[in-house]
């Protein structure tokens, strides 16, 4: 995928659909499976996002910014009744906030320098 035109990367949007599928599983199956699956898959997802964004120095922060923001808002908007995604949500929010500050600083230097 060309990160200059990527927007929300397919694995990121599909992960939100995956969460919805797991949340609709029978309760006894979901609870045993959910926590470990969410942790493992979100870690792999974030690694893949970093790798995809790293392929283009000029656009890497924008791709990361968009995708971490999407992940955080989409998953937190599901209003899940458990905390199995608390760590990935915190990671996504922290990454987004760091990237946003860097983007604002870059934009200020670019526009007003």
Protein backbone atom coordinates (compact mmCIF):
# COMPACT_ATOMS: atom_id res chain seq x y z
CA UNK A 1 0.00 0.00 0.00
CA UNK A 2 1.30 3.43 -0.92
CA UNK A 3 1.22 5.23 2.43
CA UNK A 4 0.77 8.60 0.72
CA UNK A 5 -2.75 7.52 -0.22
CA UNK A 6 -3.38 4.90 2.43
CA UNK A 7 -5.72 6.58 4.89
CA UNK A 8 -6.91 3.95 7.33
CA UNK A 9 -4.99 0.76 6.61
CA UNK A 10 -7.17 -2.33 6.00
CA UNK A 11 -5.79 -4.35 8.94
CA UNK A 12 -6.67 -1.52 11.32
CA UNK A 13 -10.27 -1.23 10.12
CA UNK A 14 -10.64 -5.02 10.02
CA UNK A 15 -9.47 -5.31 13.62
CA UNK A 16 -12.45 -3.25 14.73
CA UNK A 17 -14.74 -5.66 12.84
CA UNK A 18 -12.94 -8.57 14.49
CA UNK A 19 -13.64 -7.08 17.92
CA UNK A 20 -17.34 -6.81 17.08
CA UNK A 21 -17.37 -10.46 15.99
CA UNK A 22 -15.67 -11.64 19.18
CA UNK A 23 -17.99 -9.54 21.33
CA UNK A 24 -20.97 -11.32 19.78
CA UNK A 25 -19.61 -14.80 20.54
CA UNK A 26 -21.23 -16.87 23.31
CA UNK A 27 -20.06 -15.50 26.64
CA UNK A 28 -18.14 -18.56 27.86
CA UNK A 29 -16.18 -18.84 24.60
CA UNK A 30 -15.45 -15.13 24.34
CA UNK A 31 -14.08 -14.64 27.85
CA UNK A 32 -11.52 -17.43 27.55
CA UNK A 33 -10.38 -16.28 24.14
CA UNK A 34 -10.83 -12.54 24.21
CA UNK A 35 -8.11 -11.13 26.46
CA UNK A 36 -5.19 -13.05 24.99
CA UNK A 37 -6.40 -12.60 21.41
CA UNK A 38 -6.86 -8.85 21.80
CA UNK A 39 -3.44 -8.36 23.37
CA UNK A 40 -1.60 -10.50 20.85
CA UNK A 41 -3.38 -9.20 17.77
CA UNK A 42 -3.24 -5.53 18.76
CA UNK A 43 0.49 -5.83 19.39
CA UNK A 44 0.96 -7.40 15.95
CA UNK A 45 -1.31 -4.76 14.41
CA UNK A 46 0.70 -1.89 15.88
CA UNK A 47 3.95 -3.51 14.71
CA UNK A 48 2.54 -3.84 11.18
CA UNK A 49 1.35 -0.22 11.27
CA UNK A 50 4.81 0.97 12.26
CA UNK A 51 6.39 -1.11 9.50
CA UNK A 52 3.96 0.15 6.84
CA UNK A 53 4.41 3.76 7.91
CA UNK A 54 8.18 3.43 8.06
CA UNK A 55 8.38 2.88 4.32
CA UNK A 56 8.00 6.57 3.53
CA UNK A 57 9.79 9.17 5.66
CA UNK A 58 7.68 12.06 4.43
CA UNK A 59 4.29 10.51 5.23
CA UNK A 60 5.06 8.11 8.07
CA UNK A 61 3.76 10.35 10.84
CA UNK A 62 0.53 11.14 8.98
CA UNK A 63 -0.22 7.46 8.39
CA UNK A 64 0.49 6.62 12.01
CA UNK A 65 -1.52 9.62 13.24
CA UNK A 66 -4.60 8.68 11.19
CA UNK A 67 -4.51 5.01 12.08
CA UNK A 68 -3.85 5.37 15.82
CA UNK A 69 -6.63 7.96 16.00
CA UNK A 70 -9.02 5.67 14.12
CA UNK A 71 -8.15 2.70 16.33
CA UNK A 72 -8.61 4.69 19.52
CA UNK A 73 -11.89 6.36 18.56
CA UNK A 74 -13.44 3.28 16.92
CA UNK A 75 -12.58 0.86 19.72
CA UNK A 76 -13.38 3.21 22.59
CA UNK A 77 -16.66 4.03 20.84
CA UNK A 78 -17.72 0.39 21.16
CA UNK A 79 -18.26 0.91 24.91
CA UNK A 80 -17.18 -2.59 25.83
CA UNK A 81 -18.15 -3.86 29.26
CA UNK A 82 -14.65 -5.10 30.09
CA UNK A 83 -11.07 -3.86 30.14
CA UNK A 84 -9.40 -6.36 27.80
CA UNK A 85 -8.42 -3.60 25.37
CA UNK A 86 -7.28 -1.09 27.98
CA UNK A 87 -3.56 -1.45 27.20
CA UNK A 88 -3.89 -1.20 23.39
CA UNK A 89 -6.25 1.77 23.78
CA UNK A 90 -3.76 3.53 26.04
CA UNK A 91 -0.92 2.79 23.59
CA UNK A 92 -2.94 4.11 20.64
CA UNK A 93 -3.96 7.26 22.52
CA UNK A 94 -0.41 7.99 23.68
CA UNK A 95 0.99 7.41 20.19
CA UNK A 96 -1.67 9.65 18.67
CA UNK A 97 -1.01 12.46 21.15
CA UNK A 98 2.76 12.28 20.57
CA UNK A 99 2.32 12.27 16.80
CA UNK A 100 -0.21 15.10 16.93
CA UNK A 101 2.19 17.30 18.92
CA UNK A 102 4.97 16.53 16.44
CA UNK A 103 2.67 17.29 13.49
CA UNK A 104 1.53 20.61 14.96
CA UNK A 105 5.13 21.60 15.63
CA UNK A 106 6.18 20.62 12.09
CA UNK A 107 3.21 22.42 10.55
CA UNK A 108 3.98 25.58 12.52
CA UNK A 109 7.62 25.56 11.38
CA UNK A 110 6.63 24.83 7.78
CA UNK A 111 3.90 27.48 7.55
CA UNK A 112 5.59 30.23 9.52
CA UNK A 113 9.28 29.74 8.82
